[in-house]
All heavy atoms as atom14 arrays in JSON, in Angstrom:
{
  "sequence": "DAKLQYGLLIFGAAVSVLLQEAFRFAYFKLLKKADEGLATISEDGRSP",
  "atom14_mask": [
    [1, 1, 1, 1, 1, 1, 1, 1, 0, 0, 0, 0, 0, 0],
    [1, 1, 1, 1, 1, 0, 0, 0, 0, 0, 0, 0, 0, 0],
    [1, 1, 1, 1, 1, 1, 1, 1, 1, 0, 0, 0, 0, 0],
    [1, 1, 1, 1, 1, 1, 1, 1, 0, 0, 0, 0, 0, 0],
    [1, 1, 1, 1, 1, 1, 1, 1, 1, 0, 0, 0, 0, 0],
    [1, 1, 1, 1, 1, 1, 1, 1, 1, 1, 1, 1, 0, 0],
    [1, 1, 1, 1, 0, 0, 0, 0, 0, 0, 0, 0, 0, 0],
    [1, 1, 1, 1, 1, 1, 1, 1, 0, 0, 0, 0, 0, 0],
    [1, 1, 1, 1, 1, 1, 1, 1, 0, 0, 0, 0, 0, 0],
    [1, 1, 1, 1, 1, 1, 1, 1, 0, 0, 0, 0, 0, 0],
    [1, 1, 1, 1, 1, 1, 1, 1, 1, 1, 1, 0, 0, 0],
    [1, 1, 1, 1, 0, 0, 0, 0, 0, 0, 0, 0, 0, 0],
    [1, 1, 1, 1, 1, 0, 0, 0, 0, 0, 0, 0, 0, 0],
    [1, 1, 1, 1, 1, 0, 0, 0, 0, 0, 0, 0, 0, 0],
    [1, 1, 1, 1, 1, 1, 1, 0, 0, 0, 0, 0, 0, 0],
    [1, 1, 1, 1, 1, 1, 0, 0, 0, 0, 0, 0, 0, 0],
    [1, 1, 1, 1, 1, 1, 1, 0, 0, 0, 0, 0, 0, 0],
    [1, 1, 1, 1, 1, 1, 1, 1, 0, 0, 0, 0, 0, 0],
    [1, 1, 1, 1, 1, 1, 1, 1, 0, 0, 0, 0, 0, 0],
    [1, 1, 1, 1, 1, 1, 1, 1, 1, 0, 0, 0, 0, 0],
    [1, 1, 1, 1, 1, 1, 1, 1, 1, 0, 0, 0, 0, 0],
    [1, 1, 1, 1, 1, 0, 0, 0, 0, 0, 0, 0, 0, 0],
    [1, 1, 1, 1, 1, 1, 1, 1, 1, 1, 1, 0, 0, 0],
    [1, 1, 1, 1, 1, 1, 1, 1, 1, 1, 1, 0, 0, 0],
    [1, 1, 1, 1, 1, 1, 1, 1, 1, 1, 1, 0, 0, 0],
    [1, 1, 1, 1, 1, 0, 0, 0, 0, 0, 0, 0, 0, 0],
    [1, 1, 1, 1, 1, 1, 1, 1, 1, 1, 1, 1, 0, 0],
    [1, 1, 1, 1, 1, 1, 1, 1, 1, 1, 1, 0, 0, 0],
    [1, 1, 1, 1, 1, 1, 1, 1, 1, 0, 0, 0, 0, 0],
    [1, 1, 1, 1, 1, 1, 1, 1, 0, 0, 0, 0, 0, 0],
    [1, 1, 1, 1, 1, 1, 1, 1, 0, 0, 0, 0, 0, 0],
    [1, 1, 1, 1, 1, 1, 1, 1, 1, 0, 0, 0, 0, 0],
    [1, 1, 1, 1, 1, 1, 1, 1, 1, 0, 0, 0, 0, 0],
    [1, 1, 1, 1, 1, 0, 0, 0, 0, 0, 0, 0, 0, 0],
    [1, 1, 1, 1, 1, 1, 1, 1, 0, 0, 0, 0, 0, 0],
    [1, 1, 1, 1, 1, 1, 1, 1, 1, 0, 0, 0, 0, 0],
    [1, 1, 1, 1, 0, 0, 0, 0, 0, 0, 0, 0, 0, 0],
    [1, 1, 1, 1, 1, 1, 1, 1, 0, 0, 0, 0, 0, 0],
    [1, 1, 1, 1, 1, 0, 0, 0, 0, 0, 0, 0, 0, 0],
    [1, 1, 1, 1, 1, 1, 1, 0, 0, 0, 0, 0, 0, 0],
    [1, 1, 1, 1, 1, 1, 1, 1, 0, 0, 0, 0, 0, 0],
    [1, 1, 1, 1, 1, 1, 0, 0, 0, 0, 0, 0, 0, 0],
    [1, 1, 1, 1, 1, 1, 1, 1, 1, 0, 0, 0, 0, 0],
    [1, 1, 1, 1, 1, 1, 1, 1, 0, 0, 0, 0, 0, 0],
    [1, 1, 1, 1, 0, 0, 0, 0, 0, 0, 0, 0, 0, 0],
    [1, 1, 1, 1, 1, 1, 1, 1, 1, 1, 1, 0, 0, 0],
    [1, 1, 1, 1, 1, 1, 0, 0, 0, 0, 0, 0, 0, 0],
    [1, 1, 1, 1, 1, 1, 1, 0, 0, 0, 0, 0, 0, 0]
  ],
  "atom14_positions": [
    [[4.49, -26.04, 100.38], [3.2, -26.42, 100.97], [3.37, -27.73, 101.74], [3.47, -28.82, 101.14], [2.16, -26.59, 99.85], [0.75, -26.74, 100.4], [0.6, -27.12, 101.57], [-0.2, -26.51, 99.63], [0.0, 0.0, 0.0], [0.0, 0.0, 0.0], [0.0, 0.0, 0.0], [0.0, 0.0, 0.0], [0.0, 0.0, 0.0], [0.0, 0.0, 0.0]],
    [[3.41, -27.65, 103.07], [3.68, -28.82, 103.91], [2.57, -29.87, 103.8], [2.85, -31.07, 103.74], [3.85, -28.39, 105.37], [0.0, 0.0, 0.0], [0.0, 0.0, 0.0], [0.0, 0.0, 0.0], [0.0, 0.0, 0.0], [0.0, 0.0, 0.0], [0.0, 0.0, 0.0], [0.0, 0.0, 0.0], [0.0, 0.0, 0.0], [0.0, 0.0, 0.0]],
    [[1.31, -29.41, 103.77], [0.18, -30.35, 103.67], [0.21, -31.1, 102.35], [-0.05, -32.31, 102.29], [-1.15, -29.61, 103.83], [-1.4, -29.11, 105.24], [-2.79, -28.5, 105.34], [-3.09, -28.06, 106.78], [-4.44, -27.46, 106.9], [0.0, 0.0, 0.0], [0.0, 0.0, 0.0], [0.0, 0.0, 0.0], [0.0, 0.0, 0.0], [0.0, 0.0, 0.0]],
    [[0.54, -30.38, 101.27], [0.61, -31.02, 99.96], [1.72, -32.06, 99.92], [1.53, -33.16, 99.39], [0.84, -29.96, 98.88], [1.03, -30.49, 97.45], [-0.21, -31.25, 97.0], [1.34, -29.34, 96.5], [0.0, 0.0, 0.0], [0.0, 0.0, 0.0], [0.0, 0.0, 0.0], [0.0, 0.0, 0.0], [0.0, 0.0, 0.0], [0.0, 0.0, 0.0]],
    [[2.87, -31.72, 100.5], [3.99, -32.66, 100.5], [3.68, -33.9, 101.34], [4.1, -35.02, 100.99], [5.25, -31.96, 101.04], [5.76, -30.84, 100.16], [6.01, -31.29, 98.73], [6.63, -32.32, 98.48], [5.49, -30.52, 97.77], [0.0, 0.0, 0.0], [0.0, 0.0, 0.0], [0.0, 0.0, 0.0], [0.0, 0.0, 0.0], [0.0, 0.0, 0.0]],
    [[2.96, -33.71, 102.43], [2.55, -34.86, 103.25], [1.58, -35.74, 102.48], [1.65, -36.97, 102.52], [1.92, -34.37, 104.56], [1.59, -35.48, 105.53], [2.61, -36.14, 106.23], [0.27, -35.89, 105.75], [2.31, -37.15, 107.13], [-0.03, -36.9, 106.64], [1.0, -37.53, 107.33], [0.7, -38.55, 108.2], [0.0, 0.0, 0.0], [0.0, 0.0, 0.0]],
    [[0.67, -35.09, 101.74], [-0.27, -35.85, 100.91], [0.45, -36.62, 99.81], [0.09, -37.76, 99.5], [0.0, 0.0, 0.0], [0.0, 0.0, 0.0], [0.0, 0.0, 0.0], [0.0, 0.0, 0.0], [0.0, 0.0, 0.0], [0.0, 0.0, 0.0], [0.0, 0.0, 0.0], [0.0, 0.0, 0.0], [0.0, 0.0, 0.0], [0.0, 0.0, 0.0]],
    [[1.49, -36.01, 99.24], [2.27, -36.69, 98.21], [3.05, -37.87, 98.79], [3.27, -38.87, 98.1], [3.24, -35.71, 97.55], [2.62, -34.68, 96.6], [3.67, -33.71, 96.1], [1.95, -35.39, 95.41], [0.0, 0.0, 0.0], [0.0, 0.0, 0.0], [0.0, 0.0, 0.0], [0.0, 0.0, 0.0], [0.0, 0.0, 0.0], [0.0, 0.0, 0.0]],
    [[3.45, -37.74, 100.06], [4.13, -38.86, 100.71], [3.19, -40.05, 100.87], [3.57, -41.21, 100.62], [4.66, -38.41, 102.08], [5.51, -39.43, 102.85], [6.78, -39.76, 102.06], [5.87, -38.89, 104.24], [0.0, 0.0, 0.0], [0.0, 0.0, 0.0], [0.0, 0.0, 0.0], [0.0, 0.0, 0.0], [0.0, 0.0, 0.0], [0.0, 0.0, 0.0]],
    [[1.94, -39.77, 101.27], [0.93, -40.83, 101.37], [0.64, -41.41, 100.0], [0.52, -42.64, 99.83], [-0.36, -40.28, 102.01], [-0.08, -39.82, 103.46], [-1.47, -41.32, 101.99], [-1.27, -39.15, 104.12], [0.0, 0.0, 0.0], [0.0, 0.0, 0.0], [0.0, 0.0, 0.0], [0.0, 0.0, 0.0], [0.0, 0.0, 0.0], [0.0, 0.0, 0.0]],
    [[0.55, -40.53, 99.0], [0.34, -40.99, 97.62], [1.48, -41.89, 97.16], [1.25, -42.94, 96.54], [0.23, -39.77, 96.7], [0.31, -40.1, 95.24], [-0.76, -40.69, 94.57], [1.47, -39.81, 94.52], [-0.67, -40.99, 93.22], [1.56, -40.12, 93.17], [0.5, -40.71, 92.52], [0.0, 0.0, 0.0], [0.0, 0.0, 0.0], [0.0, 0.0, 0.0]],
    [[2.71, -41.52, 97.49], [3.87, -42.32, 97.11], [3.85, -43.69, 97.76], [4.2, -44.7, 97.13], [0.0, 0.0, 0.0], [0.0, 0.0, 0.0], [0.0, 0.0, 0.0], [0.0, 0.0, 0.0], [0.0, 0.0, 0.0], [0.0, 0.0, 0.0], [0.0, 0.0, 0.0], [0.0, 0.0, 0.0], [0.0, 0.0, 0.0], [0.0, 0.0, 0.0]],
    [[3.42, -43.74, 99.03], [3.33, -45.02, 99.73], [2.28, -45.92, 99.09], [2.5, -47.13, 98.92], [3.01, -44.79, 101.2], [0.0, 0.0, 0.0], [0.0, 0.0, 0.0], [0.0, 0.0, 0.0], [0.0, 0.0, 0.0], [0.0, 0.0, 0.0], [0.0, 0.0, 0.0], [0.0, 0.0, 0.0], [0.0, 0.0, 0.0], [0.0, 0.0, 0.0]],
    [[1.13, -45.34, 98.71], [0.07, -46.12, 98.07], [0.51, -46.64, 96.71], [0.27, -47.8, 96.37], [-1.19, -45.26, 97.93], [0.0, 0.0, 0.0], [0.0, 0.0, 0.0], [0.0, 0.0, 0.0], [0.0, 0.0, 0.0], [0.0, 0.0, 0.0], [0.0, 0.0, 0.0], [0.0, 0.0, 0.0], [0.0, 0.0, 0.0], [0.0, 0.0, 0.0]],
    [[1.19, -45.79, 95.95], [1.7, -46.22, 94.64], [2.72, -47.33, 94.8], [2.74, -48.3, 94.04], [2.32, -45.01, 93.89], [3.09, -45.48, 92.66], [1.24, -44.03, 93.49], [0.0, 0.0, 0.0], [0.0, 0.0, 0.0], [0.0, 0.0, 0.0], [0.0, 0.0, 0.0], [0.0, 0.0, 0.0], [0.0, 0.0, 0.0], [0.0, 0.0, 0.0]],
    [[3.56, -47.21, 95.82], [4.57, -48.24, 96.09], [3.92, -49.6, 96.38], [4.35, -50.64, 95.87], [5.45, -47.82, 97.27], [6.39, -48.82, 97.59], [0.0, 0.0, 0.0], [0.0, 0.0, 0.0], [0.0, 0.0, 0.0], [0.0, 0.0, 0.0], [0.0, 0.0, 0.0], [0.0, 0.0, 0.0], [0.0, 0.0, 0.0], [0.0, 0.0, 0.0]],
    [[2.86, -49.58, 97.2], [2.15, -50.83, 97.52], [1.54, -51.44, 96.26], [1.67, -52.65, 96.02], [1.05, -50.55, 98.57], [0.13, -51.76, 98.7], [1.68, -50.23, 99.91], [0.0, 0.0, 0.0], [0.0, 0.0, 0.0], [0.0, 0.0, 0.0], [0.0, 0.0, 0.0], [0.0, 0.0, 0.0], [0.0, 0.0, 0.0], [0.0, 0.0, 0.0]],
    [[0.88, -50.61, 95.45], [0.23, -51.12, 94.24], [1.26, -51.68, 93.26], [1.02, -52.71, 92.61], [-0.58, -50.01, 93.59], [-1.79, -49.5, 94.4], [-2.46, -48.33, 93.69], [-2.79, -50.62, 94.64], [0.0, 0.0, 0.0], [0.0, 0.0, 0.0], [0.0, 0.0, 0.0], [0.0, 0.0, 0.0], [0.0, 0.0, 0.0], [0.0, 0.0, 0.0]],
    [[2.4, -51.02, 93.16], [3.45, -51.52, 92.27], [4.06, -52.81, 92.79], [4.37, -53.72, 92.01], [4.54, -50.45, 92.1], [4.2, -49.28, 91.17], [5.3, -48.23, 91.21], [4.01, -49.78, 89.74], [0.0, 0.0, 0.0], [0.0, 0.0, 0.0], [0.0, 0.0, 0.0], [0.0, 0.0, 0.0], [0.0, 0.0, 0.0], [0.0, 0.0, 0.0]],
    [[4.22, -52.92, 94.11], [4.74, -54.16, 94.68], [3.82, -55.33, 94.36], [4.29, -56.42, 93.98], [4.86, -54.01, 96.2], [6.02, -53.14, 96.65], [6.04, -52.96, 98.16], [5.89, -53.92, 98.91], [6.19, -51.72, 98.6], [0.0, 0.0, 0.0], [0.0, 0.0, 0.0], [0.0, 0.0, 0.0], [0.0, 0.0, 0.0], [0.0, 0.0, 0.0]],
    [[2.52, -55.11, 94.49], [1.58, -56.19, 94.2], [1.51, -56.49, 92.7], [1.33, -57.64, 92.3], [0.19, -55.83, 94.74], [0.13, -55.67, 96.25], [0.64, -56.91, 97.0], [0.51, -58.03, 96.48], [1.17, -56.74, 98.11], [0.0, 0.0, 0.0], [0.0, 0.0, 0.0], [0.0, 0.0, 0.0], [0.0, 0.0, 0.0], [0.0, 0.0, 0.0]],
    [[1.67, -55.46, 91.88], [1.7, -55.67, 90.43], [2.92, -56.51, 90.04], [2.82, -57.42, 89.21], [1.72, -54.33, 89.7], [0.0, 0.0, 0.0], [0.0, 0.0, 0.0], [0.0, 0.0, 0.0], [0.0, 0.0, 0.0], [0.0, 0.0, 0.0], [0.0, 0.0, 0.0], [0.0, 0.0, 0.0], [0.0, 0.0, 0.0], [0.0, 0.0, 0.0]],
    [[4.05, -56.23, 90.66], [5.26, -57.0, 90.36], [5.2, -58.39, 90.98], [5.81, -59.32, 90.47], [6.5, -56.25, 90.84], [7.04, -55.28, 89.82], [6.51, -54.0, 89.71], [8.05, -55.66, 88.96], [6.98, -53.11, 88.76], [8.54, -54.78, 88.0], [8.01, -53.49, 87.9], [0.0, 0.0, 0.0], [0.0, 0.0, 0.0], [0.0, 0.0, 0.0]],
    [[4.47, -58.54, 92.08], [4.26, -59.88, 92.64], [3.47, -60.74, 91.63], [3.76, -61.92, 91.44], [3.5, -59.8, 93.96], [3.65, -61.08, 94.82], [2.63, -61.08, 95.94], [2.71, -59.95, 96.83], [3.51, -59.89, 97.91], [4.3, -60.9, 98.2], [3.51, -58.82, 98.68], [0.0, 0.0, 0.0], [0.0, 0.0, 0.0], [0.0, 0.0, 0.0]],
    [[2.47, -60.1, 91.0], [1.68, -60.81, 89.99], [2.55, -61.14, 88.77], [2.46, -62.25, 88.2], [0.49, -59.97, 89.56], [-0.35, -60.58, 88.49], [-1.2, -61.65, 88.78], [-0.29, -60.12, 87.18], [-1.97, -62.23, 87.78], [-1.06, -60.7, 86.18], [-1.9, -61.76, 86.48], [0.0, 0.0, 0.0], [0.0, 0.0, 0.0], [0.0, 0.0, 0.0]],
    [[3.4, -60.18, 88.36], [4.29, -60.43, 87.22], [5.25, -61.58, 87.53], [5.54, -62.41, 86.66], [5.07, -59.16, 86.89], [0.0, 0.0, 0.0], [0.0, 0.0, 0.0], [0.0, 0.0, 0.0], [0.0, 0.0, 0.0], [0.0, 0.0, 0.0], [0.0, 0.0, 0.0], [0.0, 0.0, 0.0], [0.0, 0.0, 0.0], [0.0, 0.0, 0.0]],
    [[5.71, -61.64, 88.77], [6.61, -62.72, 89.16], [5.88, -64.07, 89.16], [6.45, -65.1, 88.78], [7.2, -62.43, 90.53], [8.32, -63.36, 90.93], [9.43, -63.52, 90.13], [8.25, -64.08, 92.11], [10.46, -64.38, 90.49], [9.27, -64.94, 92.48], [10.37, -65.08, 91.66], [11.38, -65.94, 92.01], [0.0, 0.0, 0.0], [0.0, 0.0, 0.0]],
    [[4.61, -64.05, 89.58], [3.81, -65.27, 89.53], [3.69, -65.78, 88.09], [3.86, -66.98, 87.83], [2.42, -65.0, 90.11], [1.43, -66.08, 89.82], [1.42, -67.26, 90.56], [0.49, -65.93, 88.8], [0.51, -68.28, 90.28], [-0.43, -66.93, 88.52], [-0.42, -68.12, 89.26], [0.0, 0.0, 0.0], [0.0, 0.0, 0.0], [0.0, 0.0, 0.0]],
    [[3.41, -64.87, 87.15], [3.28, -65.28, 85.74], [4.6, -65.82, 85.21], [4.62, -66.8, 84.46], [2.82, -64.09, 84.9], [1.46, -63.51, 85.3], [0.34, -64.49, 85.08], [0.02, -64.7, 83.62], [-1.17, -65.58, 83.43], [0.0, 0.0, 0.0], [0.0, 0.0, 0.0], [0.0, 0.0, 0.0], [0.0, 0.0, 0.0], [0.0, 0.0, 0.0]],
    [[5.71, -65.2, 85.62], [7.02, -65.67, 85.18], [7.31, -67.07, 85.73], [7.8, -67.95, 85.01], [8.1, -64.69, 85.64], [9.55, -65.06, 85.3], [9.76, -65.05, 83.79], [10.51, -64.08, 85.97], [0.0, 0.0, 0.0], [0.0, 0.0, 0.0], [0.0, 0.0, 0.0], [0.0, 0.0, 0.0], [0.0, 0.0, 0.0], [0.0, 0.0, 0.0]],
    [[6.99, -67.29, 87.0], [7.23, -68.6, 87.61], [6.33, -69.67, 86.99], [6.74, -70.83, 86.88], [7.0, -68.52, 89.12], [8.08, -67.8, 89.93], [7.69, -67.77, 91.41], [9.43, -68.5, 89.78], [0.0, 0.0, 0.0], [0.0, 0.0, 0.0], [0.0, 0.0, 0.0], [0.0, 0.0, 0.0], [0.0, 0.0, 0.0], [0.0, 0.0, 0.0]],
    [[5.12, -69.31, 86.61], [4.23, -70.27, 85.96], [4.82, -70.72, 84.62], [4.77, -71.92, 84.29], [2.85, -69.65, 85.73], [2.0, -69.57, 86.98], [1.55, -70.95, 87.45], [0.57, -71.58, 86.51], [0.08, -72.9, 87.02], [0.0, 0.0, 0.0], [0.0, 0.0, 0.0], [0.0, 0.0, 0.0], [0.0, 0.0, 0.0], [0.0, 0.0, 0.0]],
    [[5.39, -69.77, 83.89], [6.03, -70.13, 82.63], [7.23, -71.04, 82.88], [7.45, -72.03, 82.16], [6.48, -68.86, 81.89], [5.34, -68.03, 81.34], [4.64, -68.76, 80.2], [3.55, -67.88, 79.58], [2.82, -68.59, 78.49], [0.0, 0.0, 0.0], [0.0, 0.0, 0.0], [0.0, 0.0, 0.0], [0.0, 0.0, 0.0], [0.0, 0.0, 0.0]],
    [[8.03, -70.69, 83.89], [9.2, -71.51, 84.23], [8.77, -72.89, 84.71], [9.42, -73.9, 84.4], [10.03, -70.81, 85.3], [0.0, 0.0, 0.0], [0.0, 0.0, 0.0], [0.0, 0.0, 0.0], [0.0, 0.0, 0.0], [0.0, 0.0, 0.0], [0.0, 0.0, 0.0], [0.0, 0.0, 0.0], [0.0, 0.0, 0.0], [0.0, 0.0, 0.0]],
    [[7.67, -72.94, 85.46], [7.16, -74.22, 85.97], [6.73, -75.13, 84.83], [6.99, -76.34, 84.84], [5.98, -73.94, 86.91], [5.49, -75.21, 87.6], [6.29, -75.86, 88.29], [4.3, -75.54, 87.46], [0.0, 0.0, 0.0], [0.0, 0.0, 0.0], [0.0, 0.0, 0.0], [0.0, 0.0, 0.0], [0.0, 0.0, 0.0], [0.0, 0.0, 0.0]],
    [[6.1, -74.55, 83.82], [5.69, -75.34, 82.66], [6.91, -75.89, 81.92], [6.91, -77.02, 81.44], [4.84, -74.47, 81.73], [3.49, -74.09, 82.31], [2.75, -73.08, 81.45], [3.28, -72.73, 80.37], [1.65, -72.64, 81.85], [0.0, 0.0, 0.0], [0.0, 0.0, 0.0], [0.0, 0.0, 0.0], [0.0, 0.0, 0.0], [0.0, 0.0, 0.0]],
    [[7.96, -75.07, 81.84], [9.18, -75.52, 81.18], [9.86, -76.65, 81.94], [10.33, -77.62, 81.34], [0.0, 0.0, 0.0], [0.0, 0.0, 0.0], [0.0, 0.0, 0.0], [0.0, 0.0, 0.0], [0.0, 0.0, 0.0], [0.0, 0.0, 0.0], [0.0, 0.0, 0.0], [0.0, 0.0, 0.0], [0.0, 0.0, 0.0], [0.0, 0.0, 0.0]],
    [[9.9, -76.53, 83.26], [10.5, -77.58, 84.08], [9.72, -78.88, 83.98], [10.29, -79.97, 83.96], [10.58, -77.12, 85.54], [11.59, -76.02, 85.87], [11.41, -75.53, 87.31], [13.02, -76.51, 85.67], [0.0, 0.0, 0.0], [0.0, 0.0, 0.0], [0.0, 0.0, 0.0], [0.0, 0.0, 0.0], [0.0, 0.0, 0.0], [0.0, 0.0, 0.0]],
    [[8.39, -78.78, 83.93], [7.55, -79.98, 83.8], [7.78, -80.66, 82.46], [7.72, -81.89, 82.35], [6.09, -79.6, 83.97], [0.0, 0.0, 0.0], [0.0, 0.0, 0.0], [0.0, 0.0, 0.0], [0.0, 0.0, 0.0], [0.0, 0.0, 0.0], [0.0, 0.0, 0.0], [0.0, 0.0, 0.0], [0.0, 0.0, 0.0], [0.0, 0.0, 0.0]],
    [[8.05, -79.87, 81.43], [8.25, -80.42, 80.1], [9.52, -81.27, 80.01], [9.53, -82.33, 79.38], [8.31, -79.29, 79.05], [7.1, -78.52, 79.12], [8.47, -79.84, 77.65], [0.0, 0.0, 0.0], [0.0, 0.0, 0.0], [0.0, 0.0, 0.0], [0.0, 0.0, 0.0], [0.0, 0.0, 0.0], [0.0, 0.0, 0.0], [0.0, 0.0, 0.0]],
    [[10.58, -80.8, 80.66], [11.87, -81.5, 80.55], [12.08, -82.55, 81.64], [13.06, -83.28, 81.6], [13.03, -80.49, 80.59], [13.07, -79.74, 81.93], [12.94, -79.5, 79.43], [14.26, -78.81, 82.08], [0.0, 0.0, 0.0], [0.0, 0.0, 0.0], [0.0, 0.0, 0.0], [0.0, 0.0, 0.0], [0.0, 0.0, 0.0], [0.0, 0.0, 0.0]],
    [[11.17, -82.62, 82.62], [11.33, -83.61, 83.68], [10.91, -85.0, 83.19], [10.15, -85.13, 82.24], [10.5, -83.22, 84.91], [9.12, -83.26, 84.61], [0.0, 0.0, 0.0], [0.0, 0.0, 0.0], [0.0, 0.0, 0.0], [0.0, 0.0, 0.0], [0.0, 0.0, 0.0], [0.0, 0.0, 0.0], [0.0, 0.0, 0.0], [0.0, 0.0, 0.0]],
    [[11.41, -86.03, 83.86], [11.16, -87.4, 83.43], [9.71, -87.83, 83.65], [9.14, -88.55, 82.84], [12.09, -88.36, 84.18], [13.57, -88.16, 83.82], [14.46, -89.13, 84.57], [13.93, -89.88, 85.42], [15.67, -89.14, 84.31], [0.0, 0.0, 0.0], [0.0, 0.0, 0.0], [0.0, 0.0, 0.0], [0.0, 0.0, 0.0], [0.0, 0.0, 0.0]],
    [[9.12, -87.38, 84.77], [7.75, -87.79, 85.07], [6.7, -86.79, 84.63], [5.51, -86.95, 84.89], [7.6, -88.07, 86.57], [7.95, -86.85, 87.42], [8.37, -85.82, 86.84], [7.83, -86.93, 88.65], [0.0, 0.0, 0.0], [0.0, 0.0, 0.0], [0.0, 0.0, 0.0], [0.0, 0.0, 0.0], [0.0, 0.0, 0.0], [0.0, 0.0, 0.0]],
    [[7.15, -85.71, 83.96], [6.2, -84.72, 83.47], [5.68, -83.77, 84.52], [4.71, -83.04, 84.28], [0.0, 0.0, 0.0], [0.0, 0.0, 0.0], [0.0, 0.0, 0.0], [0.0, 0.0, 0.0], [0.0, 0.0, 0.0], [0.0, 0.0, 0.0], [0.0, 0.0, 0.0], [0.0, 0.0, 0.0], [0.0, 0.0, 0.0], [0.0, 0.0, 0.0]],
    [[6.29, -83.76, 85.7], [5.88, -82.86, 86.78], [7.04, -81.97, 87.18], [8.2, -82.39, 87.15], [5.38, -83.66, 87.99], [4.11, -84.44, 87.72], [3.57, -85.07, 89.0], [4.53, -86.02, 89.58], [4.32, -86.68, 90.71], [3.2, -86.47, 91.4], [5.23, -87.53, 91.16], [0.0, 0.0, 0.0], [0.0, 0.0, 0.0], [0.0, 0.0, 0.0]],
    [[6.72, -80.77, 87.57], [7.75, -79.83, 88.01], [8.33, -80.27, 89.35], [7.59, -80.71, 90.24], [7.16, -78.42, 88.13], [8.11, -77.54, 88.69], [0.0, 0.0, 0.0], [0.0, 0.0, 0.0], [0.0, 0.0, 0.0], [0.0, 0.0, 0.0], [0.0, 0.0, 0.0], [0.0, 0.0, 0.0], [0.0, 0.0, 0.0], [0.0, 0.0, 0.0]],
    [[9.66, -80.15, 89.53], [10.26, -80.54, 90.8], [9.97, -79.57, 91.94], [10.23, -79.86, 93.11], [11.77, -80.57, 90.49], [11.92, -79.61, 89.35], [10.66, -79.74, 88.54], [0.0, 0.0, 0.0], [0.0, 0.0, 0.0], [0.0, 0.0, 0.0], [0.0, 0.0, 0.0], [0.0, 0.0, 0.0], [0.0, 0.0, 0.0], [0.0, 0.0, 0.0]]
  ]
}
């Protein structure tokens, strides 16, 4: 079914975008944790 496969291709692209943004958010949370750790061990209490 060519129409169905084309629809699945669009579906795959949409899922890819949503997953990219979900992983962008996960990376933000990871960097926030790392930023807090860097601030803790720095001399002035601020992240470099």
